[in-house]
Protein backbone atom coordinates (compact mmCIF):
# COMPACT_ATOMS: atom_id res chain seq x y z
CA MET A 1 2.27 30.65 -17.47
CA LYS A 2 -0.54 28.18 -17.87
CA ASN A 3 -0.49 24.79 -16.12
CA ILE A 4 0.99 26.33 -12.96
CA TYR A 5 -0.92 26.79 -9.73
CA PHE A 6 -0.08 27.10 -6.10
CA ALA A 7 -2.24 25.42 -3.49
CA ILE A 8 -1.95 25.30 0.28
CA THR A 9 -3.31 22.09 1.76
CA ILE A 10 -3.27 20.63 5.26
CA PHE A 11 -2.94 16.84 5.47
CA SER A 12 -3.75 14.65 8.44
CA PHE A 13 -3.18 10.89 8.65
CA TYR A 14 -6.12 8.60 9.16
CA LEU A 15 -5.05 5.37 10.80
CA TYR A 16 -7.23 2.60 9.47
CA GLY A 17 -9.45 1.66 12.38
CA CYS A 18 -8.99 -1.76 13.87
CA ASN A 19 -9.87 -3.38 17.15
CA SER A 20 -6.42 -4.62 18.06
CA SER A 21 -3.69 -5.33 15.53
CA PRO A 22 -2.06 -8.76 15.65
CA GLU A 23 1.39 -8.51 17.21
CA LEU A 24 4.65 -10.39 17.07
CA THR A 25 5.18 -12.04 20.46
CA SER A 26 8.31 -11.35 22.48
CA SER A 27 9.53 -14.95 22.60
CA VAL A 28 8.93 -18.40 21.20
CA SER A 29 5.88 -19.61 23.09
CA GLU A 30 4.78 -22.46 20.82
CA PHE A 31 6.35 -25.87 20.31
CA ILE A 32 4.10 -27.47 17.74
CA THR A 33 3.69 -31.11 16.80
CA VAL A 34 1.41 -32.38 14.04
CA GLU A 35 0.47 -36.00 14.72
CA LEU A 36 -0.47 -37.98 11.63
CA LYS A 37 -1.11 -41.69 11.34
CA LYS A 38 0.89 -43.67 8.82
CA LYS A 39 -1.62 -43.47 5.96
CA PRO A 40 -2.42 -39.71 6.06
CA LEU A 41 1.30 -38.93 6.59
CA LYS A 42 2.16 -40.94 3.47
CA LYS A 43 -0.59 -39.14 1.53
CA LEU A 44 0.66 -35.70 2.59
CA GLU A 45 4.20 -36.64 1.50
CA GLU A 46 2.90 -37.91 -1.83
CA TYR A 47 0.91 -34.72 -2.39
CA GLY A 48 4.03 -32.66 -1.69
CA ASN A 49 6.05 -34.59 -4.30
CA GLN A 50 3.51 -34.08 -7.08
CA ILE A 51 4.01 -31.37 -9.71
CA PRO A 52 2.14 -29.17 -9.18
CA ILE A 53 1.81 -29.87 -5.46
CA ASN A 54 -1.58 -31.34 -4.57
CA ASN A 55 -3.52 -29.21 -2.08
CA LYS A 56 -5.75 -31.95 -0.62
CA TRP A 57 -6.48 -32.14 3.10
CA VAL A 58 -5.47 -34.95 5.45
CA LYS A 59 -6.69 -35.36 9.03
CA GLY A 60 -4.65 -35.58 12.22
CA ASN A 61 -3.99 -33.95 15.58
CA LEU A 62 -2.13 -30.83 16.61
CA GLN A 63 -0.31 -30.37 19.90
CA ILE A 64 0.63 -26.84 20.94
CA ASN A 65 2.57 -26.98 24.19
CA SER A 66 0.14 -28.91 26.42
CA LYS A 67 -2.99 -28.34 24.32
CA ARG A 68 -4.23 -30.87 21.78
CA TYR A 69 -6.65 -30.33 18.88
CA LYS A 70 -8.17 -32.32 16.02
CA ILE A 71 -7.08 -30.75 12.72
CA LYS A 72 -6.88 -31.07 9.01
CA ILE A 73 -3.67 -30.05 7.20
CA LYS A 74 -2.67 -29.49 3.58
CA HIS A 75 -0.03 -27.85 1.42
CA THR A 76 -1.01 -24.27 0.59
CA ASP A 77 0.97 -23.59 -2.59
CA ALA A 78 1.41 -25.40 -5.90
CA THR A 79 5.20 -24.93 -5.81
CA ILE A 80 6.27 -24.45 -2.15
CA LYS A 81 6.71 -27.82 -0.46
CA HIS A 82 7.20 -26.77 3.16
CA GLN A 83 4.24 -24.45 3.56
CA TYR A 84 1.09 -25.77 5.20
CA ARG A 85 -2.38 -24.65 6.13
CA VAL A 86 -3.66 -26.02 9.45
CA LYS A 87 -7.31 -25.76 10.40
CA LEU A 88 -8.75 -26.77 13.78
CA SER A 89 -11.74 -29.10 13.41
CA GLY A 90 -15.10 -28.77 15.10
CA PRO A 91 -17.46 -25.89 15.87
CA GLY A 92 -16.35 -23.53 18.62
CA ILE A 93 -12.79 -24.93 18.70
CA TYR A 94 -10.14 -22.18 18.80
CA HIS A 95 -6.52 -21.62 19.81
CA ASP A 96 -5.92 -18.04 20.94
CA LEU A 97 -9.32 -17.14 19.44
CA SER A 98 -8.22 -18.48 16.05
CA LYS A 99 -8.66 -21.72 14.15
CA ASP A 100 -7.04 -21.25 10.72
CA PHE A 101 -3.23 -20.96 10.47
CA ILE A 102 -0.30 -20.98 8.06
CA LEU A 103 3.00 -22.78 8.80
CA ASP A 104 5.88 -21.63 6.59
CA LYS A 105 9.42 -23.01 6.90
CA ALA A 106 11.79 -20.32 8.15
CA SER A 107 14.67 -19.13 6.00
CA ASN A 108 16.80 -16.05 5.49
CA SER A 109 14.25 -14.45 3.17
CA GLY A 110 11.47 -15.60 5.46
CA ILE A 111 12.96 -13.69 8.38
CA LEU A 112 13.09 -10.52 6.30
CA GLY A 113 9.54 -11.06 5.07
CA ALA A 114 8.24 -11.70 8.60
CA LEU A 115 9.97 -8.58 9.89
CA ILE A 116 8.56 -6.41 7.09
CA ASN A 117 5.13 -7.91 7.77
CA SER A 118 5.39 -6.95 11.42
CA TYR A 119 6.17 -3.35 10.44
CA ALA A 120 3.18 -3.39 8.09
CA VAL A 121 0.89 -4.62 10.88
CA ALA A 122 2.26 -1.99 13.27
CA ASN A 123 1.36 0.64 10.69
CA ASP A 124 -2.24 -0.59 10.34
CA LEU A 125 -1.99 -2.49 7.06
CA ILE A 126 -3.87 -5.76 6.75
CA ALA A 127 -1.03 -8.27 6.84
CA PRO A 128 -0.13 -11.62 8.43
CA SER A 129 1.86 -11.35 11.65
CA SER A 130 4.21 -14.26 12.15
CA LYS A 131 6.04 -15.73 15.11
CA LEU A 132 8.72 -18.35 15.13
CA VAL A 133 7.81 -21.81 16.37
CA ALA A 134 9.58 -25.14 16.76
CA PHE A 135 7.62 -27.53 14.51
CA ASN A 136 7.74 -31.25 13.76
CA PHE A 137 5.72 -34.16 12.49
CA ASN A 138 5.18 -37.03 14.95
CA ASP A 139 7.92 -35.87 17.37
CA GLU A 140 10.62 -36.38 14.75
CA ILE A 141 13.06 -33.81 13.32
CA ILE A 142 12.33 -30.32 14.67
CA ASN A 143 12.40 -27.45 12.20
CA GLU A 144 11.87 -23.71 12.53
CA TYR A 145 8.66 -22.39 11.01
CA PHE A 146 6.75 -19.14 10.93
CA TRP A 147 3.28 -19.55 12.41
CA SER A 148 0.66 -16.99 11.42
CA GLU A 149 -3.09 -16.74 11.52
CA ARG A 150 -4.58 -17.04 8.05
CA ILE A 151 -6.23 -13.87 6.77
CA ALA A 152 -9.83 -15.01 6.64
CA LYS A 153 -13.19 -14.39 8.32
CA ASP A 154 -12.13 -14.62 11.98
CA PHE A 155 -8.93 -12.64 11.41
CA LEU A 156 -10.62 -9.77 9.58
CA GLU A 157 -13.46 -9.48 12.07
CA LYS A 158 -11.30 -9.77 15.19
CA TYR A 159 -8.53 -7.33 14.26
CA TYR A 160 -10.10 -5.00 11.70
CA GLY A 161 -13.85 -5.09 12.32
CA ILE A 162 -14.54 -6.24 8.75
CA THR A 163 -17.59 -8.51 8.54
CA ASN A 164 -19.19 -7.97 5.12
CA TYR A 165 -16.55 -8.32 2.45
CA ALA A 166 -15.32 -10.01 -0.70
CA ILE A 167 -11.74 -11.11 -1.29
CA ILE A 168 -10.67 -10.27 -4.83
CA GLY A 169 -7.58 -12.26 -5.81
CA ASN A 170 -5.32 -12.14 -8.84
CA SER A 171 -6.02 -15.12 -11.08
CA GLY A 172 -2.70 -14.86 -12.90
CA THR A 173 -4.10 -13.14 -15.99
CA LYS A 174 -4.85 -9.54 -16.82
CA LYS A 175 -8.45 -10.31 -17.70
CA ASN A 176 -9.77 -11.95 -14.60
CA TYR A 177 -9.88 -11.83 -10.81
CA LYS A 178 -11.09 -14.62 -8.54
CA VAL A 179 -13.68 -13.51 -6.00
CA LYS A 180 -14.52 -15.23 -2.71
CA SER A 181 -17.19 -14.24 -0.22
CA LYS A 182 -19.43 -15.79 2.41
CA ASN A 183 -22.55 -15.73 0.24
CA ASP A 184 -23.59 -15.46 -3.41
CA SER A 185 -24.97 -11.94 -3.03
CA LEU A 186 -21.68 -10.50 -1.73
CA LYS A 187 -19.72 -12.55 -4.27
CA SER A 188 -21.79 -11.09 -7.11
CA ARG A 189 -21.21 -7.56 -5.80
CA GLY A 190 -17.50 -8.35 -5.41
CA GLU A 191 -17.32 -9.50 -9.03
CA LYS A 192 -18.64 -6.11 -10.13
CA ILE A 193 -15.83 -4.44 -8.17
CA GLY A 194 -13.37 -6.83 -9.85
CA GLU A 195 -14.69 -5.77 -13.26
CA LEU A 196 -14.22 -2.14 -12.25
CA LEU A 197 -10.60 -2.85 -11.30
CA ILE A 198 -9.97 -4.41 -14.70
CA GLU A 199 -11.53 -1.45 -16.50
CA ALA A 200 -9.58 1.11 -14.45
CA VAL A 201 -6.22 -0.62 -15.00
CA ALA A 202 -6.85 -1.19 -18.71
CA SER A 203 -7.84 2.44 -19.28
CA LYS A 204 -5.37 3.84 -16.71
CA GLU A 205 -8.18 5.96 -15.29
CA TYR A 206 -7.70 6.35 -11.54
CA HIS A 207 -10.87 8.40 -11.16
CA LEU A 208 -12.91 5.21 -11.68
CA LEU A 209 -11.62 3.96 -8.31
CA GLU A 210 -11.11 7.12 -6.26
CA ASN A 211 -14.41 6.76 -4.39
CA TYR A 212 -13.33 3.29 -3.23
CA ILE A 213 -9.87 4.25 -1.95
CA ASP A 214 -8.63 5.01 1.56
CA ASN A 215 -5.74 7.30 0.60
CA SER A 216 -3.78 6.83 3.82
CA TYR A 217 -3.96 3.04 3.60
CA ILE A 218 -2.88 2.96 -0.05
CA ALA A 219 -0.08 5.48 0.62
CA LYS A 220 1.33 3.18 3.30
CA LEU A 221 1.07 0.16 1.02
CA LEU A 222 3.00 2.00 -1.71
CA ALA A 223 5.63 3.09 0.82
CA PHE A 224 6.24 -0.57 1.64
CA ARG A 225 6.46 -1.34 -2.08
CA ASP A 226 9.18 1.33 -2.28
CA LEU A 227 10.90 -0.41 0.62
CA TYR A 228 11.03 -3.61 -1.47
CA SER A 229 12.75 -1.65 -4.20
CA GLU A 230 15.22 -0.12 -1.74
CA LEU A 231 16.16 -3.64 -0.63
CA ASN A 232 16.60 -4.77 -4.26
CA LEU A 233 13.74 -7.23 -3.82
CA THR A 234 11.10 -7.98 -6.41
CA ASN A 235 7.71 -6.43 -5.77
CA CYS A 236 4.86 -8.61 -4.65
CA ALA A 237 2.53 -9.44 -7.55
CA ALA A 238 0.02 -11.93 -6.13
CA ILE A 239 -2.01 -9.28 -4.34
CA LYS A 240 -5.38 -10.01 -2.81
CA ILE A 241 -7.78 -7.18 -2.10
CA ILE A 242 -10.42 -6.94 0.58
CA TYR A 243 -13.49 -5.00 -0.50
CA ASP A 244 -15.30 -3.91 2.66
CA PHE A 245 -18.95 -3.39 1.76
CA SER A 246 -19.72 -1.60 5.03
CA ARG A 247 -17.03 1.05 4.49
CA GLY A 248 -17.17 0.96 0.69
CA ARG A 249 -13.37 0.74 0.51
CA LEU A 250 -10.70 -1.43 -1.12
CA TYR A 251 -7.92 -2.67 1.18
CA PRO A 252 -5.10 -4.61 -0.54
CA ILE A 253 -3.54 -7.25 1.74
CA PHE A 254 0.18 -6.81 2.31
CA ASP A 255 2.44 -9.86 2.59
CA GLY A 256 6.19 -9.33 2.77
CA ASN A 257 6.81 -13.07 2.36
CA ASN A 258 5.18 -13.10 -1.04
CA PHE A 259 8.14 -12.13 -3.20
CA THR A 260 8.06 -13.29 -6.80
CA SER A 261 10.17 -13.38 -9.93
CA GLU A 262 10.29 -10.68 -12.61
CA GLU A 263 8.74 -13.18 -15.03
CA ASN A 264 5.86 -13.81 -12.65
CA ILE A 265 5.33 -10.07 -12.21
CA LYS A 266 4.87 -9.69 -15.97
CA SER A 267 2.27 -12.47 -16.00
CA ASN A 268 0.44 -10.79 -13.10
CA ASP A 269 0.51 -7.29 -14.51
CA LEU A 270 -3.07 -6.59 -13.42
CA ALA A 271 -2.03 -6.50 -9.74
CA ASN A 272 1.02 -4.36 -10.40
CA GLY A 273 -0.98 -2.22 -12.82
CA LEU A 274 -3.37 -1.53 -9.97
CA LEU A 275 -0.54 -0.41 -7.68
CA ASP A 276 0.87 1.79 -10.44
CA LEU A 277 -2.57 3.30 -10.92
CA PHE A 278 -2.77 4.13 -7.20
CA ALA A 279 0.69 5.71 -7.42
CA SER A 280 -0.45 7.99 -10.25
CA ASP A 281 -2.65 9.99 -7.85
CA MET A 282 -0.88 13.07 -6.52
CA ASP A 283 -2.56 13.09 -3.09
CA ILE A 284 -1.57 9.46 -2.50
CA GLU A 285 1.99 10.11 -3.67
CA ILE A 286 2.33 13.02 -1.24
CA GLU A 287 1.03 10.97 1.69
CA LYS A 288 3.33 8.12 0.70
CA GLU A 289 6.43 10.32 0.80
CA LEU A 290 5.40 11.78 4.15
CA PHE A 291 4.72 8.33 5.62
CA LYS A 292 8.12 7.07 4.43
CA THR A 293 9.79 9.49 6.85
CA THR A 294 7.91 7.73 9.66
CA LEU A 295 8.63 4.25 8.31
CA TYR A 296 12.36 4.83 7.93
CA LYS A 297 12.61 6.06 11.50
CA GLN A 298 11.24 2.69 12.64
CA LEU A 299 14.06 0.75 10.95
CA THR A 300 16.31 0.56 13.99
CA LYS A 301 17.52 -2.20 16.25
CA GLU A 302 16.01 -0.24 19.13
CA SER A 303 12.51 -0.89 17.79
CA TYR A 304 10.36 -3.37 19.71
CA LEU A 305 9.70 -5.23 16.45
CA TYR A 306 13.38 -6.01 15.99
CA LYS A 307 13.83 -6.88 19.66
CA SER A 308 10.84 -9.22 19.71
CA LEU A 309 12.00 -11.19 16.69
CA ASP A 310 15.57 -11.20 18.02
CA ALA A 311 14.29 -12.71 21.30
CA GLN A 312 12.37 -15.39 19.43
CA ILE A 313 15.43 -16.42 17.46
CA SER A 314 17.57 -16.46 20.61
CA GLU A 315 15.21 -18.87 22.33
CA LEU A 316 14.60 -21.03 19.28
CA SER A 317 18.26 -21.33 18.32
CA LYS A 318 19.51 -22.75 21.63
CA GLY A 319 21.59 -25.77 20.69
CA ASN A 320 20.89 -25.17 16.99
CA ASN A 321 23.94 -24.27 14.91
CA THR A 322 22.05 -23.77 11.65
CA PHE A 323 19.59 -21.10 12.74
CA ASN A 324 20.71 -18.13 14.79
CA ASN A 325 20.61 -14.39 15.28
CA GLU A 326 23.17 -13.78 12.54
CA TYR A 327 20.35 -14.24 10.02
CA LEU A 328 18.31 -11.48 11.58
CA ASN A 329 21.32 -9.20 12.06
CA ALA A 330 22.35 -9.60 8.42
CA GLN A 331 18.88 -8.91 7.11
CA PHE A 332 18.29 -5.99 9.44
CA THR A 333 21.60 -4.45 8.46
CA THR A 334 20.23 -4.46 4.92
CA LEU A 335 17.15 -2.62 6.16
CA GLU A 336 19.27 -0.04 7.97
CA ASN A 337 21.49 0.62 4.95
CA LEU A 338 18.78 2.12 2.78
CA ASN A 339 19.96 4.22 -0.18
CA SER A 340 22.92 5.99 1.41
CA ASN A 341 24.85 6.64 4.57
CA GLU A 342 22.47 9.52 5.24
CA LEU A 343 19.64 7.07 5.86
CA SER A 344 21.61 4.21 7.42
CA ASN A 345 21.92 5.72 10.87
CA VAL A 346 18.31 6.81 11.37
CA ASP A 347 17.10 6.01 14.89
CA GLN A 348 14.34 7.01 17.25
CA SER A 349 16.16 10.18 18.34
CA THR A 350 16.62 11.50 14.79
CA SER A 351 14.55 14.62 14.16
CA ASP A 352 11.91 14.89 11.48
CA THR A 353 13.98 17.72 9.97
CA GLU A 354 16.97 15.43 9.49
CA ILE A 355 14.85 12.60 8.08
CA THR A 356 13.00 14.70 5.52
CA SER A 357 16.21 16.45 4.50
CA ASN A 358 17.90 13.10 3.88
CA ILE A 359 15.00 11.79 1.82
CA THR A 360 14.77 15.03 -0.18
CA SER A 361 18.48 14.74 -0.94
CA GLU A 362 18.02 11.18 -2.18
CA ILE A 363 15.06 12.16 -4.37
CA LEU A 364 17.03 15.01 -5.99
CA LYS A 365 20.10 12.80 -6.52
CA ASN A 366 18.02 10.08 -8.13
CA ARG A 367 16.54 12.63 -10.56
CA ASN A 368 19.99 14.09 -11.41
CA ILE A 369 19.02 17.48 -10.03
CA LYS A 370 22.05 19.46 -8.82
CA PHE A 371 21.67 21.01 -5.38
CA GLU A 372 23.46 22.12 -2.25
CA ILE A 373 22.31 22.48 1.35
CA LEU A 374 23.04 25.65 3.30
CA ALA A 375 21.63 25.81 6.83
CA ASP A 376 17.82 25.65 6.51
CA THR A 377 17.74 25.87 2.72
CA ILE A 378 18.06 23.31 -0.06
CA ILE A 379 19.24 25.19 -3.16
CA ILE A 380 18.50 23.76 -6.60
CA LEU A 381 21.39 24.90 -8.79
CA LYS A 382 21.30 26.31 -12.32
CA GLY A 383 20.73 23.62 -14.93
CA ASP A 384 18.37 21.92 -17.36
CA TYR A 385 16.27 19.20 -15.71
CA SER A 386 14.10 16.75 -17.60
CA ILE A 387 11.32 15.40 -15.37
CA ASP A 388 9.76 12.28 -16.90
CA LYS A 389 7.75 11.10 -13.90
CA ASN A 390 6.00 12.77 -10.98
CA LEU A 391 8.36 14.48 -8.53
CA ILE A 392 7.29 15.22 -4.95
CA ILE A 393 9.65 17.07 -2.64
CA SER A 394 8.69 17.08 1.04
CA SER A 395 11.04 18.96 3.33
CA SER A 396 11.05 21.01 6.50
CA LYS A 397 13.79 23.10 4.85
CA THR A 398 13.02 25.89 2.40
CA ILE A 399 13.53 24.96 -1.26
CA LYS A 400 15.25 27.69 -3.28
CA ILE A 401 15.47 27.44 -7.09
CA ASN A 402 18.39 29.41 -8.53
CA PRO A 403 18.33 31.58 -11.70
CA GLY A 404 18.82 29.64 -14.91
CA SER A 405 17.02 26.52 -13.67
CA ASN A 406 14.93 25.07 -16.49
CA PHE A 407 12.40 22.28 -15.90
CA LEU A 408 11.11 20.27 -18.86
CA LEU A 409 8.10 18.21 -17.80
CA ALA A 410 6.83 15.21 -19.74
CA PRO A 411 3.10 14.96 -20.59
CA ASP A 412 0.86 14.70 -17.50
CA VAL A 413 3.90 14.78 -15.18
CA SER A 414 3.73 17.02 -12.09
CA VAL A 415 6.17 18.55 -9.61
CA LEU A 416 4.88 19.23 -6.09
CA PHE A 417 6.71 20.95 -3.23
CA HIS A 418 5.57 20.18 0.32
CA SER A 419 7.73 22.95 1.77
CA ASP A 420 8.35 26.68 1.66
CA ILE A 421 9.74 27.68 -1.72
CA ILE A 422 11.71 30.55 -3.25
CA ILE A 423 11.83 30.72 -7.05
CA HIS A 424 14.74 33.11 -7.50
CA GLY A 425 14.98 34.10 -11.16
CA ASN A 426 16.31 37.43 -12.42
CA LYS A 427 16.16 39.61 -15.55
CA GLU A 428 19.04 37.82 -17.21
CA GLU A 429 18.13 34.27 -16.21
CA HIS A 430 14.55 33.29 -15.50
CA VAL A 431 13.39 30.07 -13.92
CA THR A 432 11.42 28.26 -16.64
CA ILE A 433 8.89 25.44 -16.58
CA THR A 434 7.94 24.08 -20.00
CA ASN A 435 6.45 21.07 -21.72
CA SER A 436 8.96 18.57 -23.07
CA GLU A 437 6.44 17.91 -25.85
CA PRO A 438 4.90 21.24 -27.02
CA ASP A 439 1.54 19.79 -28.07
CA LYS A 440 1.05 17.79 -24.85
CA PRO A 441 0.55 19.64 -21.52
CA PHE A 442 2.34 18.63 -18.34
CA GLY A 443 0.44 18.15 -15.08
CA THR A 444 1.10 20.78 -12.40
CA PHE A 445 4.00 22.61 -10.80
CA ALA A 446 2.61 23.35 -7.36
CA LEU A 447 3.24 24.26 -3.76
CA VAL A 448 1.40 22.14 -1.20
CA GLY A 449 1.11 23.45 2.35
CA LYS A 450 3.59 22.51 5.06
CA GLY A 451 1.82 22.21 8.41
CA ASN A 452 -0.77 24.99 8.72
CA SER A 453 0.82 27.30 6.17
CA ALA A 454 3.42 27.63 3.41
CA THR A 455 5.35 30.51 1.91
CA ALA A 456 6.11 31.09 -1.76
CA VAL A 457 8.40 33.85 -3.05
CA ILE A 458 8.52 34.05 -6.85
CA ASP A 459 10.82 36.23 -8.98
CA TYR A 460 11.06 36.03 -12.77
CA LEU A 461 9.27 32.77 -13.37
């Protein structure tokens, strides 16, 4: 049958090289006071009450524990009142080798976003890494904020070794991207990359971008997008992309705090169109599914990421009845209860076999494919199965397809097995793979190697 091939491929993960990823600290180490005189304080309050919020700077001082710095501070968002950007003033002035920070008021959703960000950082995505701090203006009411280094020049160079780059940001329309860089030459080159992104999304032609993509990085990013969906959260639309001229690669910035509304997603369809375009590549989809088995194993209260944030909350919430560990426990319980009971108890001792089997089961259930598991074999039962989007099955168990199983694949849709496979048709009942639309070919129905080898046994296909 045409449109069917079997390929054996060996995949290895490339961890995006960085000098030293930013980490969530183990406890609250910062008690931060912003000191503003009467006039600049009044101005900042006035700016925050304007619609949209005015993002003008005011000058003041910053005290972090016993250290004091001259700063300028402003609101960072047109709609979020309690989110600030703080920049240390003066050449050569740094705090912990940084001088540009974001302060974001802590909340239930903020805790979840900060925790997801910390997992993203631990898995080598470019993302802000937050820690909880006690923050106030002029030694008045203390509030809990997330303090993170702003993703800019110093951050990218220090943690990721990126020095020559352009930041391509969604402008809120599907026809334009805003580009920032340190000089006009790089900005001009970045604008050309932005134009290429627009063309690729509009034409839905992934091949226009494939030479600019780090597959492992994008696969991880898409796995985290799937995690949003698992948590019934809206995907992040306001995506910024680093184009690293030295490596010739695009690296979207991940930010778990940047959730948005469905309406806003529709108005920012260029960013989401770009993610969908990445997801259309089979190699990336395979790596994404494989990485998800690693990611899900990390979602345990035994992980150092959970423990570090838990310790921060414990210290910060002393004597505070409105902010405590119950927030973190509630949100983390949501993380642990992904999809089904099969995934909810995953911990560090769970074997890769169990993880991949659980995920394979969920994939088959979600596609309404009937199956049963016997020992080391997942058996796809007799039935008619319409496949309207790419299906990737990655399992350490053997996949067996029973006689009378009929797969109808939509145009350009593929089915890939990252496992051993037995297609067990017979004279009376073949296993069939056909186009759902006769005049439009499907993609592929293929075996991709598991480890160093894979086995395929085919009868009456």
